[in-house]
C-alpha atoms as a PDB file:
ATOM      1  CA  UNK A   1     -10.684 -21.124 -15.217  1.00  0.00           C
ATOM      2  CA  UNK A   2     -12.695 -21.136 -12.028  1.00  0.00           C
ATOM      3  CA  UNK A   3     -16.409 -21.803 -11.784  1.00  0.00           C
ATOM      4  CA  UNK A   4     -18.675 -19.022 -12.934  1.00  0.00           C
ATOM      5  CA  UNK A   5     -22.208 -17.820 -12.621  1.00  0.00           C
ATOM      6  CA  UNK A   6     -24.234 -16.270 -15.384  1.00  0.00           C
ATOM      7  CA  UNK A   7     -25.723 -12.802 -14.950  1.00  0.00           C
ATOM      8  CA  UNK A   8     -28.312 -11.459 -17.377  1.00  0.00           C
ATOM      9  CA  UNK A   9     -27.646  -7.866 -18.340  1.00  0.00           C
ATOM     10  CA  UNK A  10     -29.402  -6.159 -21.260  1.00  0.00           C
ATOM     11  CA  UNK A  11     -30.633  -9.607 -22.410  1.00  0.00           C
ATOM     12  CA  UNK A  12     -27.057 -10.878 -22.837  1.00  0.00           C
ATOM     13  CA  UNK A  13     -25.345 -13.301 -20.438  1.00  0.00           C
ATOM     14  CA  UNK A  14     -22.100 -12.280 -18.797  1.00  0.00           C
ATOM     15  CA  UNK A  15     -19.943 -14.696 -16.836  1.00  0.00           C
ATOM     16  CA  UNK A  16     -18.382 -14.070 -13.450  1.00  0.00           C
ATOM     17  CA  UNK A  17     -15.283 -16.185 -12.867  1.00  0.00           C
ATOM     18  CA  UNK A  18     -11.819 -16.098 -11.300  1.00  0.00           C
ATOM     19  CA  UNK A  19      -8.501 -15.830 -13.095  1.00  0.00           C
ATOM     20  CA  UNK A  20      -5.543 -18.085 -12.264  1.00  0.00           C
ATOM     21  CA  UNK A  21      -4.635 -15.864  -9.285  1.00  0.00           C
ATOM     22  CA  UNK A  22      -8.110 -16.090  -7.815  1.00  0.00           C
ATOM     23  CA  UNK A  23      -8.990 -12.514  -8.772  1.00  0.00           C
ATOM     24  CA  UNK A  24     -12.583 -11.969  -9.901  1.00  0.00           C
ATOM     25  CA  UNK A  25     -13.108 -11.229 -13.570  1.00  0.00           C
ATOM     26  CA  UNK A  26     -16.077 -10.705 -15.852  1.00  0.00           C
ATOM     27  CA  UNK A  27     -16.349 -12.296 -19.293  1.00  0.00           C
ATOM     28  CA  UNK A  28     -18.513 -10.476 -21.854  1.00  0.00           C
ATOM     29  CA  UNK A  29     -19.693 -12.234 -25.024  1.00  0.00           C
ATOM     30  CA  UNK A  30     -21.362 -11.018 -28.203  1.00  0.00           C
ATOM     31  CA  UNK A  31     -23.901 -13.136 -30.108  1.00  0.00           C
ATOM     32  CA  UNK A  32     -21.409 -13.677 -32.957  1.00  0.00           C
ATOM     33  CA  UNK A  33     -18.595 -14.988 -30.766  1.00  0.00           C
ATOM     34  CA  UNK A  34     -16.515 -11.926 -29.868  1.00  0.00           C
ATOM     35  CA  UNK A  35     -15.499 -11.725 -26.200  1.00  0.00           C
ATOM     36  CA  UNK A  36     -13.805  -9.500 -23.637  1.00  0.00           C
ATOM     37  CA  UNK A  37     -12.450 -10.144 -20.144  1.00  0.00           C
ATOM     38  CA  UNK A  38     -12.460  -7.463 -17.452  1.00  0.00           C
ATOM     39  CA  UNK A  39     -10.471  -7.986 -14.248  1.00  0.00           C
ATOM     40  CA  UNK A  40     -11.654  -6.392 -11.027  1.00  0.00           C
ATOM     41  CA  UNK A  41      -7.947  -5.831 -10.367  1.00  0.00           C
ATOM     42  CA  UNK A  42      -7.593  -2.365 -11.868  1.00  0.00           C
ATOM     43  CA  UNK A  43     -10.943  -2.455 -13.659  1.00  0.00           C
ATOM     44  CA  UNK A  44      -8.709  -3.574 -16.509  1.00  0.00           C
ATOM     45  CA  UNK A  45      -9.727  -5.147 -19.807  1.00  0.00           C
ATOM     46  CA  UNK A  46      -7.284  -8.060 -20.113  1.00  0.00           C
ATOM     47  CA  UNK A  47      -8.589  -9.651 -23.320  1.00  0.00           C
ATOM     48  CA  UNK A  48     -10.613  -8.675 -26.378  1.00  0.00           C
ATOM     49  CA  UNK A  49     -11.176 -11.290 -29.059  1.00  0.00           C
ATOM     50  CA  UNK A  50     -12.966 -11.033 -32.386  1.00  0.00           C
ATOM     51  CA  UNK A  51     -15.590 -13.495 -33.611  1.00  0.00           C
ATOM     52  CA  UNK A  52     -12.812 -15.782 -34.923  1.00  0.00           C
ATOM     53  CA  UNK A  53     -11.266 -15.966 -31.465  1.00  0.00           C
ATOM     54  CA  UNK A  54      -8.204 -13.886 -32.400  1.00  0.00           C
ATOM     55  CA  UNK A  55      -6.756 -11.835 -29.523  1.00  0.00           C
ATOM     56  CA  UNK A  56      -6.699  -8.131 -30.376  1.00  0.00           C
ATOM     57  CA  UNK A  57      -4.973  -6.809 -27.252  1.00  0.00           C
ATOM     58  CA  UNK A  58      -1.360  -7.465 -26.255  1.00  0.00           C
ATOM     59  CA  UNK A  59      -0.419  -8.797 -22.822  1.00  0.00           C
ATOM     60  CA  UNK A  60       3.193  -9.537 -22.012  1.00  0.00           C
ATOM     61  CA  UNK A  61       4.150 -13.165 -21.391  1.00  0.00           C
ATOM     62  CA  UNK A  62       5.986 -11.810 -18.318  1.00  0.00           C
ATOM     63  CA  UNK A  63       3.065  -9.744 -16.981  1.00  0.00           C
ATOM     64  CA  UNK A  64       2.601  -9.904 -13.201  1.00  0.00           C
ATOM     65  CA  UNK A  65      -1.015 -10.509 -12.182  1.00  0.00           C
ATOM     66  CA  UNK A  66      -0.606  -9.814  -8.481  1.00  0.00           C
ATOM     67  CA  UNK A  67      -1.554  -6.659  -6.618  1.00  0.00           C
ATOM     68  CA  UNK A  68      -0.121  -4.097  -6.142  1.00  0.00           C
ATOM     69  CA  UNK A  69       1.638  -4.558  -9.497  1.00  0.00           C
ATOM     70  CA  UNK A  70      -0.240  -3.292 -12.553  1.00  0.00           C
ATOM     71  CA  UNK A  71      -0.848  -5.803 -15.351  1.00  0.00           C
ATOM     72  CA  UNK A  72       1.470  -5.188 -18.345  1.00  0.00           C
ATOM     73  CA  UNK A  73      -1.007  -5.306 -21.212  1.00  0.00           C
ATOM     74  CA  UNK A  74      -4.698  -5.063 -22.019  1.00  0.00           C
ATOM     75  CA  UNK A  75      -6.178  -1.633 -21.209  1.00  0.00           C
ATOM     76  CA  UNK A  76      -5.015  -0.242 -17.841  1.00  0.00           C
ATOM     77  CA  UNK A  77      -7.028   2.745 -16.606  1.00  0.00           C
ATOM     78  CA  UNK A  78      -4.642   5.576 -15.687  1.00  0.00           C
ATOM     79  CA  UNK A  79      -6.119   7.916 -13.035  1.00  0.00           C
ATOM     80  CA  UNK A  80      -5.620  10.406 -11.372  1.00  0.00           C
ATOM     81  CA  UNK A  81      -2.424  10.935 -13.324  1.00  0.00           C
ATOM     82  CA  UNK A  82      -0.696   9.688 -16.435  1.00  0.00           C
ATOM     83  CA  UNK A  83       3.065   9.635 -16.137  1.00  0.00           C
ATOM     84  CA  UNK A  84       5.293   9.863 -13.111  1.00  0.00           C
ATOM     85  CA  UNK A  85       5.187  12.997 -10.982  1.00  0.00           C
ATOM     86  CA  UNK A  86       4.717  13.943  -7.350  1.00  0.00           C
ATOM     87  CA  UNK A  87       4.062  11.405  -4.602  1.00  0.00           C
ATOM     88  CA  UNK A  88       1.600   9.301  -6.615  1.00  0.00           C
ATOM     89  CA  UNK A  89       2.686   6.053  -8.241  1.00  0.00           C
ATOM     90  CA  UNK A  90       3.284   6.110 -11.991  1.00  0.00           C
ATOM     91  CA  UNK A  91       0.021   6.344 -13.962  1.00  0.00           C
ATOM     92  CA  UNK A  92      -1.985   6.761 -10.739  1.00  0.00           C
ATOM     93  CA  UNK A  93      -3.526   4.203  -8.408  1.00  0.00           C
ATOM     94  CA  UNK A  94      -6.772   3.203 -10.201  1.00  0.00           C
ATOM     95  CA  UNK A  95      -5.063   0.431 -12.201  1.00  0.00           C
ATOM     96  CA  UNK A  96      -3.723  -1.164  -8.990  1.00  0.00           C
ATOM     97  CA  UNK A  97      -6.924  -1.190  -6.922  1.00  0.00           C
ATOM     98  CA  UNK A  98      -9.628  -3.838  -6.624  1.00  0.00           C
ATOM     99  CA  UNK A  99     -12.866  -2.471  -8.082  1.00  0.00           C
ATOM    100  CA  UNK A 100     -16.372  -3.598  -7.187  1.00  0.00           C
ATOM    101  CA  UNK A 101     -19.271  -4.444  -9.478  1.00  0.00           C
ATOM    102  CA  UNK A 102     -21.719  -1.518  -9.421  1.00  0.00           C
ATOM    103  CA  UNK A 103     -25.135  -3.062  -8.769  1.00  0.00           C
ATOM    104  CA  UNK A 104     -27.086   0.180  -9.247  1.00  0.00           C
ATOM    105  CA  UNK A 105     -25.370   2.260 -11.930  1.00  0.00           C
ATOM    106  CA  UNK A 106     -27.077   5.472 -12.991  1.00  0.00           C
ATOM    107  CA  UNK A 107     -28.595   5.221 -16.478  1.00  0.00           C
ATOM    108  CA  UNK A 108     -26.503   5.928 -19.544  1.00  0.00           C
ATOM    109  CA  UNK A 109     -27.624   7.111 -22.950  1.00  0.00           C
ATOM    110  CA  UNK A 110     -29.808   4.397 -24.552  1.00  0.00           C
ATOM    111  CA  UNK A 111     -27.227   3.946 -27.332  1.00  0.00           C
ATOM    112  CA  UNK A 112     -24.724   2.813 -24.691  1.00  0.00           C
ATOM    113  CA  UNK A 113     -27.100   0.218 -23.252  1.00  0.00           C
ATOM    114  CA  UNK A 114     -29.071  -1.394 -26.044  1.00  0.00           C
ATOM    115  CA  UNK A 115     -27.941  -4.764 -27.379  1.00  0.00           C
ATOM    116  CA  UNK A 116     -24.667  -4.831 -25.494  1.00  0.00           C
ATOM    117  CA  UNK A 117     -23.092  -7.215 -23.037  1.00  0.00           C
ATOM    118  CA  UNK A 118     -21.861  -4.879 -20.303  1.00  0.00           C
ATOM    119  CA  UNK A 119     -20.484  -4.666 -16.794  1.00  0.00           C
ATOM    120  CA  UNK A 120     -20.470  -1.606 -14.535  1.00  0.00           C
ATOM    121  CA  UNK A 121     -17.592  -1.212 -12.087  1.00  0.00           C
ATOM    122  CA  UNK A 122     -17.101   1.249  -9.236  1.00  0.00           C
ATOM    123  CA  UNK A 123     -14.023   2.641  -7.498  1.00  0.00           C
ATOM    124  CA  UNK A 124     -14.012   4.887  -4.431  1.00  0.00           C
ATOM    125  CA  UNK A 125     -10.891   6.133  -2.632  1.00  0.00           C
ATOM    126  CA  UNK A 126      -9.559   4.219   0.341  1.00  0.00           C
ATOM    127  CA  UNK A 127      -8.091   5.914   3.418  1.00  0.00           C
ATOM    128  CA  UNK A 128      -4.664   5.148   1.975  1.00  0.00           C
ATOM    129  CA  UNK A 129      -5.569   6.802  -1.346  1.00  0.00           C
ATOM    130  CA  UNK A 130      -6.819   9.933   0.433  1.00  0.00           C
ATOM    131  CA  UNK A 131      -3.479  10.309   2.211  1.00  0.00           C
ATOM    132  CA  UNK A 132      -1.546  10.564  -1.050  1.00  0.00           C
ATOM    133  CA  UNK A 133      -4.327  12.205  -3.127  1.00  0.00           C
ATOM    134  CA  UNK A 134      -6.781  13.942  -0.725  1.00  0.00           C
ATOM    135  CA  UNK A 135      -9.800  14.118  -3.019  1.00  0.00           C
ATOM    136  CA  UNK A 136     -13.062  12.190  -2.679  1.00  0.00           C
ATOM    137  CA  UNK A 137     -14.414  10.819  -5.945  1.00  0.00           C
ATOM    138  CA  UNK A 138     -16.670   8.185  -7.421  1.00  0.00           C
ATOM    139  CA  UNK A 139     -15.256   6.516 -10.548  1.00  0.00           C
ATOM    140  CA  UNK A 140     -17.802   4.523 -12.539  1.00  0.00           C
ATOM    141  CA  UNK A 141     -16.503   2.442 -15.441  1.00  0.00           C
ATOM    142  CA  UNK A 142     -18.741   0.681 -17.918  1.00  0.00           C
ATOM    143  CA  UNK A 143     -17.111  -1.865 -20.225  1.00  0.00           C
ATOM    144  CA  UNK A 144     -19.354  -3.197 -22.954  1.00  0.00           C
ATOM    145  CA  UNK A 145     -19.160  -5.387 -26.017  1.00  0.00           C
ATOM    146  CA  UNK A 146     -21.557  -4.507 -28.826  1.00  0.00           C
ATOM    147  CA  UNK A 147     -23.363  -7.116 -30.897  1.00  0.00           C
ATOM    148  CA  UNK A 148     -20.822  -6.568 -33.712  1.00  0.00           C
ATOM    149  CA  UNK A 149     -17.868  -7.055 -31.346  1.00  0.00           C
ATOM    150  CA  UNK A 150     -16.830  -3.435 -30.738  1.00  0.00           C
ATOM    151  CA  UNK A 151     -15.295  -2.768 -27.326  1.00  0.00           C
ATOM    152  CA  UNK A 152     -16.568   0.348 -25.517  1.00  0.00           C
ATOM    153  CA  UNK A 153     -15.197   1.885 -22.312  1.00  0.00           C
ATOM    154  CA  UNK A 154     -17.050   4.738 -20.606  1.00  0.00           C
ATOM    155  CA  UNK A 155     -15.519   6.379 -17.520  1.00  0.00           C
ATOM    156  CA  UNK A 156     -17.522   8.757 -15.361  1.00  0.00           C
ATOM    157  CA  UNK A 157     -15.632  10.496 -12.580  1.00  0.00           C
ATOM    158  CA  UNK A 158     -17.602  12.562 -10.076  1.00  0.00           C
ATOM    159  CA  UNK A 159     -16.224  15.033  -7.550  1.00  0.00           C
ATOM    160  CA  UNK A 160     -17.808  14.266  -4.158  1.00  0.00           C
ATOM    161  CA  UNK A 161     -15.259  16.539  -2.475  1.00  0.00           C
ATOM    162  CA  UNK A 162     -15.887  19.872  -0.803  1.00  0.00           C
ATOM    163  CA  UNK A 163     -13.315  21.497  -3.099  1.00  0.00           C
ATOM    164  CA  UNK A 164     -12.314  21.327  -6.782  1.00  0.00           C
ATOM    165  CA  UNK A 165      -9.712  18.831  -7.941  1.00  0.00           C
ATOM    166  CA  UNK A 166      -7.805  18.178 -11.177  1.00  0.00           C
ATOM    167  CA  UNK A 167      -6.593  14.962 -12.767  1.00  0.00           C
ATOM    168  CA  UNK A 168      -5.154  13.527 -15.955  1.00  0.00           C
ATOM    169  CA  UNK A 169      -6.386  10.305 -17.501  1.00  0.00           C
ATOM    170  CA  UNK A 170      -5.644   7.663 -20.145  1.00  0.00           C
ATOM    171  CA  UNK A 171      -6.961   4.367 -21.436  1.00  0.00           C
ATOM    172  CA  UNK A 172      -3.470   2.840 -21.835  1.00  0.00           C
ATOM    173  CA  UNK A 173      -4.416   0.564 -24.742  1.00  0.00           C
ATOM    174  CA  UNK A 174      -1.957  -2.194 -25.709  1.00  0.00           C
ATOM    175  CA  UNK A 175      -2.864  -3.281 -29.254  1.00  0.00           C
ATOM    176  CA  UNK A 176      -1.611  -6.603 -30.604  1.00  0.00           C
ATOM    177  CA  UNK A 177       0.188  -6.149 -33.946  1.00  0.00           C
ATOM    178  CA  UNK A 178       1.965  -8.522 -36.328  1.00  0.00           C
ATOM    179  CA  UNK A 179       5.208  -6.538 -36.540  1.00  0.00           C
ATOM    180  CA  UNK A 180       5.721  -2.963 -35.317  1.00  0.00           C
ATOM    181  CA  UNK A 181       7.720  -2.130 -38.451  1.00  0.00           C
ATOM    182  CA  UNK A 182       4.636  -2.966 -40.565  1.00  0.00           C
ATOM    183  CA  UNK A 183       2.235  -0.685 -38.659  1.00  0.00           C
ATOM    184  CA  UNK A 184       1.153   2.888 -39.282  1.00  0.00           C
ATOM    185  CA  UNK A 185      -1.177   5.334 -37.549  1.00  0.00           C
ATOM    186  CA  UNK A 186      -3.378   7.677 -39.557  1.00  0.00           C
ATOM    187  CA  UNK A 187      -5.240  10.691 -38.205  1.00  0.00           C
ATOM    188  CA  UNK A 188      -2.438  12.371 -36.231  1.00  0.00           C
ATOM    189  CA  UNK A 189      -0.738  14.106 -39.173  1.00  0.00           C
ATOM    190  CA  UNK A 190       0.188  17.810 -38.702  1.00  0.00           C
ATOM    191  CA  UNK A 191      -0.609  17.695 -34.957  1.00  0.00           C
ATOM    192  CA  UNK A 192       1.612  19.071 -32.219  1.00  0.00           C
ATOM    193  CA  UNK A 193       2.986  16.529 -29.787  1.00  0.00           C
ATOM    194  CA  UNK A 194       4.991  16.431 -26.563  1.00  0.00           C
ATOM    195  CA  UNK A 195       8.027  14.145 -26.833  1.00  0.00           C
ATOM    196  CA  UNK A 196       8.579  12.332 -23.528  1.00  0.00           C
ATOM    197  CA  UNK A 197      12.006  11.194 -24.751  1.00  0.00           C
ATOM    198  CA  UNK A 198      13.079  14.863 -24.994  1.00  0.00           C
ATOM    199  CA  UNK A 199      11.783  16.327 -21.693  1.00  0.00           C
ATOM    200  CA  UNK A 200       8.286  16.848 -23.119  1.00  0.00           C
ATOM    201  CA  UNK A 201       9.560  19.262 -25.761  1.00  0.00           C
ATOM    202  CA  UNK A 202       6.841  20.269 -28.226  1.00  0.00           C
ATOM    203  CA  UNK A 203       7.093  19.353 -31.922  1.00  0.00           C
ATOM    204  CA  UNK A 204       4.791  19.246 -34.951  1.00  0.00           C
ATOM    205  CA  UNK A 205       4.230  15.901 -36.693  1.00  0.00           C
ATOM    206  CA  UNK A 206       5.708  16.061 -40.190  1.00  0.00           C
ATOM    207  CA  UNK A 207       4.886  12.610 -41.583  1.00  0.00           C
ATOM    208  CA  UNK A 208       1.911  11.602 -43.710  1.00  0.00           C
ATOM    209  CA  UNK A 209       1.402   8.807 -41.181  1.00  0.00           C
ATOM    210  CA  UNK A 210       3.263   7.635 -38.088  1.00  0.00           C
ATOM    211  CA  UNK A 211       5.530   4.627 -38.629  1.00  0.00           C
ATOM    212  CA  UNK A 212       8.032   2.972 -36.296  1.00  0.00           C
ATOM    213  CA  UNK A 213      11.756   2.325 -36.454  1.00  0.00           C
ATOM    214  CA  UNK A 214      12.857   3.284 -32.917  1.00  0.00           C
ATOM    215  CA  UNK A 215      11.454   4.037 -29.463  1.00  0.00           C
ATOM    216  CA  UNK A 216       8.430   6.366 -29.461  1.00  0.00           C
ATOM    217  CA  UNK A 217       6.805   8.018 -26.423  1.00  0.00           C
ATOM    218  CA  UNK A 218       4.619  10.960 -27.446  1.00  0.00           C
ATOM    219  CA  UNK A 219       1.448  12.773 -26.438  1.00  0.00           C
ATOM    220  CA  UNK A 220      -0.384  14.097 -29.524  1.00  0.00           C
ATOM    221  CA  UNK A 221      -2.489  17.141 -28.651  1.00  0.00           C
ATOM    222  CA  UNK A 222      -5.970  18.267 -29.694  1.00  0.00           C
ATOM    223  CA  UNK A 223      -6.438  15.136 -31.760  1.00  0.00           C
ATOM    224  CA  UNK A 224      -9.484  14.229 -33.865  1.00  0.00           C
ATOM    225  CA  UNK A 225     -12.217  12.040 -32.411  1.00  0.00           C
ATOM    226  CA  UNK A 226     -11.196   9.147 -34.621  1.00  0.00           C
ATOM    227  CA  UNK A 227      -7.828   7.651 -35.571  1.00  0.00           C
ATOM    228  CA  UNK A 228      -6.811   4.432 -37.314  1.00  0.00           C
ATOM    229  CA  UNK A 229      -3.999   1.947 -36.682  1.00  0.00           C
ATOM    230  CA  UNK A 230      -3.228  -0.076 -39.821  1.00  0.00           C
ATOM    231  CA  UNK A 231      -1.511  -3.472 -39.535  1.00  0.00           C
ATOM    232  CA  UNK A 232      -0.234  -4.223 -43.034  1.00  0.00           C
ATOM    233  CA  UNK A 233       0.680  -7.872 -42.499  1.00  0.00           C
ATOM    234  CA  UNK A 234      -2.636  -8.851 -40.907  1.00  0.00           C
ATOM    235  CA  UNK A 235      -4.625  -6.621 -43.296  1.00  0.00           C
ATOM    236  CA  UNK A 236      -6.411  -5.339 -40.216  1.00  0.00           C
ATOM    237  CA  UNK A 237      -7.188  -1.811 -39.054  1.00  0.00           C
ATOM    238  CA  UNK A 238      -8.056  -0.783 -35.520  1.00  0.00           C
ATOM    239  CA  UNK A 239     -10.384   2.215 -35.498  1.00  0.00           C
ATOM    240  CA  UNK A 240     -10.355   4.227 -32.263  1.00  0.00           C
ATOM    241  CA  UNK A 241     -13.243   6.623 -31.623  1.00  0.00           C
ATOM    242  CA  UNK A 242     -13.155   8.790 -28.528  1.00  0.00           C
ATOM    243  CA  UNK A 243     -15.038  11.553 -26.727  1.00  0.00           C
ATOM    244  CA  UNK A 244     -13.838  13.715 -23.846  1.00  0.00           C
ATOM    245  CA  UNK A 245     -10.263  12.581 -24.571  1.00  0.00           C
ATOM    246  CA  UNK A 246      -8.457  15.283 -26.556  1.00  0.00           C
ATOM    247  CA  UNK A 247      -4.982  13.704 -26.496  1.00  0.00           C
ATOM    248  CA  UNK A 248      -3.500  10.499 -27.899  1.00  0.00           C
ATOM    249  CA  UNK A 249      -0.484   8.761 -26.353  1.00  0.00           C
ATOM    250  CA  UNK A 250       1.651   6.701 -28.748  1.00  0.00           C
ATOM    251  CA  UNK A 251       4.207   4.408 -27.111  1.00  0.00           C
ATOM    252  CA  UNK A 252       6.542   1.608 -28.106  1.00  0.00           C
ATOM    253  CA  UNK A 253       9.571   0.900 -25.871  1.00  0.00           C
ATOM    254  CA  UNK A 254      11.755  -0.652 -28.616  1.00  0.00           C
ATOM    255  CA  UNK A 255      14.653  -2.942 -27.743  1.00  0.00           C
ATOM    256  CA  UNK A 256      16.712  -1.244 -25.007  1.00  0.00           C
ATOM    257  CA  UNK A 257      13.800  -0.290 -22.785  1.00  0.00           C
ATOM    258  CA  UNK A 258      12.185  -3.711 -23.311  1.00  0.00           C
ATOM    259  CA  UNK A 259      15.258  -5.401 -21.870  1.00  0.00           C
ATOM    260  CA  UNK A 260      15.122  -3.106 -18.819  1.00  0.00           C
ATOM    261  CA  UNK A 261      11.511  -3.999 -17.884  1.00  0.00           C
ATOM    262  CA  UNK A 262      11.132  -7.064 -15.661  1.00  0.00           C
ATOM    263  CA  UNK A 263       7.507  -7.648 -16.710  1.00  0.00           C
ATOM    264  CA  UNK A 264       8.124  -7.382 -20.465  1.00  0.00           C
ATOM    265  CA  UNK A 265       9.846  -9.777 -22.876  1.00  0.00           C
ATOM    266  CA  UNK A 266      13.024  -8.596 -24.611  1.00  0.00           C
ATOM    267  CA  UNK A 267      11.512  -8.961 -28.104  1.00  0.00           C
ATOM    268  CA  UNK A 268       7.864  -8.309 -27.315  1.00  0.00           C
ATOM    269  CA  UNK A 269       8.011  -4.676 -28.457  1.00  0.00           C
ATOM    270  CA  UNK A 270       7.669  -6.037 -32.001  1.00  0.00           C
ATOM    271  CA  UNK A 271       4.170  -7.373 -31.286  1.00  0.00           C
ATOM    272  CA  UNK A 272       2.609  -4.388 -29.495  1.00  0.00           C
ATOM    273  CA  UNK A 273       1.749  -0.737 -29.794  1.00  0.00           C
ATOM    274  CA  UNK A 274       0.097   1.502 -27.217  1.00  0.00           C
ATOM    275  CA  UNK A 275      -2.355   4.041 -28.637  1.00  0.00           C
ATOM    276  CA  UNK A 276      -4.268   5.720 -25.819  1.00  0.00           C
ATOM    277  CA  UNK A 277      -7.285   7.972 -25.691  1.00  0.00           C
ATOM    278  CA  UNK A 278      -6.192  10.461 -23.025  1.00  0.00           C
ATOM    279  CA  UNK A 279      -6.562  13.833 -21.318  1.00  0.00           C
ATOM    280  CA  UNK A 280      -3.051  14.874 -20.291  1.00  0.00           C
ATOM    281  CA  UNK A 281      -1.859  18.278 -21.525  1.00  0.00           C
ATOM    282  CA  UNK A 282      -4.758  20.165 -19.923  1.00  0.00           C
ATOM    283  CA  UNK A 283      -5.873  18.310 -16.778  1.00  0.00           C
ATOM    284  CA  UNK A 284      -9.602  17.908 -16.163  1.00  0.00           C
ATOM    285  CA  UNK A 285     -10.853  20.099 -13.298  1.00  0.00           C
ATOM    286  CA  UNK A 286     -14.091  19.223 -11.509  1.00  0.00           C
ATOM    287  CA  UNK A 287     -15.919  21.475  -9.102  1.00  0.00           C
ATOM    288  CA  UNK A 288     -17.812  19.833  -6.207  1.00  0.00           C
ATOM    289  CA  UNK A 289     -20.654  17.731  -7.619  1.00  0.00           C
ATOM    290  CA  UNK A 290     -19.405  17.895 -11.212  1.00  0.00           C
ATOM    291  CA  UNK A 291     -18.877  14.797 -13.350  1.00  0.00           C
ATOM    292  CA  UNK A 292     -16.572  14.133 -16.309  1.00  0.00           C
ATOM    293  CA  UNK A 293     -17.124  11.466 -18.961  1.00  0.00           C
ATOM    294  CA  UNK A 294     -14.455   9.926 -21.196  1.00  0.00           C
ATOM    295  CA  UNK A 295     -15.538   7.410 -23.834  1.00  0.00           C
ATOM    296  CA  UNK A 296     -13.484   5.192 -26.139  1.00  0.00           C
ATOM    297  CA  UNK A 297     -14.731   2.680 -28.696  1.00  0.00           C
ATOM    298  CA  UNK A 298     -12.441   0.187 -30.427  1.00  0.00           C
ATOM    299  CA  UNK A 299     -13.411  -1.616 -33.603  1.00  0.00           C
ATOM    300  CA  UNK A 300     -11.533  -3.685 -36.168  1.00  0.00           C
ATOM    301  CA  UNK A 301     -12.073  -3.622 -39.916  1.00  0.00           C
ATOM    302  CA  UNK A 302     -10.289  -5.495 -42.714  1.00  0.00           C
ATOM    303  CA  UNK A 303      -7.851  -3.341 -44.660  1.00  0.00           C
ATOM    304  CA  UNK A 304      -4.859  -3.170 -46.942  1.00  0.00           C
ATOM    305  CA  UNK A 305      -2.335  -0.396 -47.424  1.00  0.00           C
ATOM    306  CA  UNK A 306      -2.736  -0.844 -51.134  1.00  0.00           C
ATOM    307  CA  UNK A 307      -6.483  -0.406 -51.405  1.00  0.00           C
ATOM    308  CA  UNK A 308      -7.215   3.034 -52.854  1.00  0.00           C
ATOM    309  CA  UNK A 309     -10.886   2.473 -52.162  1.00  0.00           C
ATOM    310  CA  UNK A 310     -10.396   1.943 -48.450  1.00  0.00           C
ATOM    311  CA  UNK A 311      -9.943   4.899 -46.160  1.00  0.00           C
ATOM    312  CA  UNK A 312     -10.097   3.740 -42.532  1.00  0.00           C
ATOM    313  CA  UNK A 313     -10.950   7.218 -41.303  1.00  0.00           C
ATOM    314  CA  UNK A 314     -14.164   7.143 -43.345  1.00  0.00           C
ATOM    315  CA  UNK A 315     -15.285   4.372 -41.010  1.00  0.00           C
ATOM    316  CA  UNK A 316     -15.416   6.931 -38.224  1.00  0.00           C
ATOM    317  CA  UNK A 317     -18.554   8.643 -39.387  1.00  0.00           C
END
């Protein structure tokens, strides 16, 4: 780790350092020992650890940490598109750009400032970006770690164009799990979803919970503000709360696709699951001067499949 300087923000120290490729990163710490790392390459959270030092996000052992390649793992920010269409690169360009630290961010709601270690990042389009996506914007991203170790991402995208523009968006969240076959998602039951493995055909979820025994690549529509990802073996539940993000992407590449990806280990699909807060089916449209906000909060609570008293979704309220 390179040398760092300490910056005092909201009465909590954050560290500025460089990763092993010399790219600037910010380390956030909570008073109880939880931490998060945010790379200025992509504005991407690359690590989130609980107060016992356990890594909660998955990053591939074969991830490439050099621009213009996106980092395979953590939480890439997908903007102005999610997926692969038109002349834009897959999942948009935001995750491949170098962001700057925003020295003068506009104020947020007091609840999103108090008692948190936070960094504010800023992305504006380059000349190159405007050639392939001719829309002027300001993208402000706040990443914060609460005193109890919750990870919060708040994106604010403002149209500084002379005309309206539309975009899709996702926090492409790679969760670390013990074994994909031991994981289930609750909160998406009965929802419609688009199946990306079947030309985005629309289906209705039939299961009581989502479990995994083959490749999954779906966009669940009009989802609740809170969903839970239960890891049976680790007796751990990720609770995902979101605002401004009506859709949820669920993705695991399984074995064949894993072998086809150069920046992903052949067996690593067993240790990861992507569950994204997203806005995909109905793109966000901003008129000149308008701003959109998308917020996601990740927390971890102890759990067991066999505890009748524990309902992870009750933790959402």
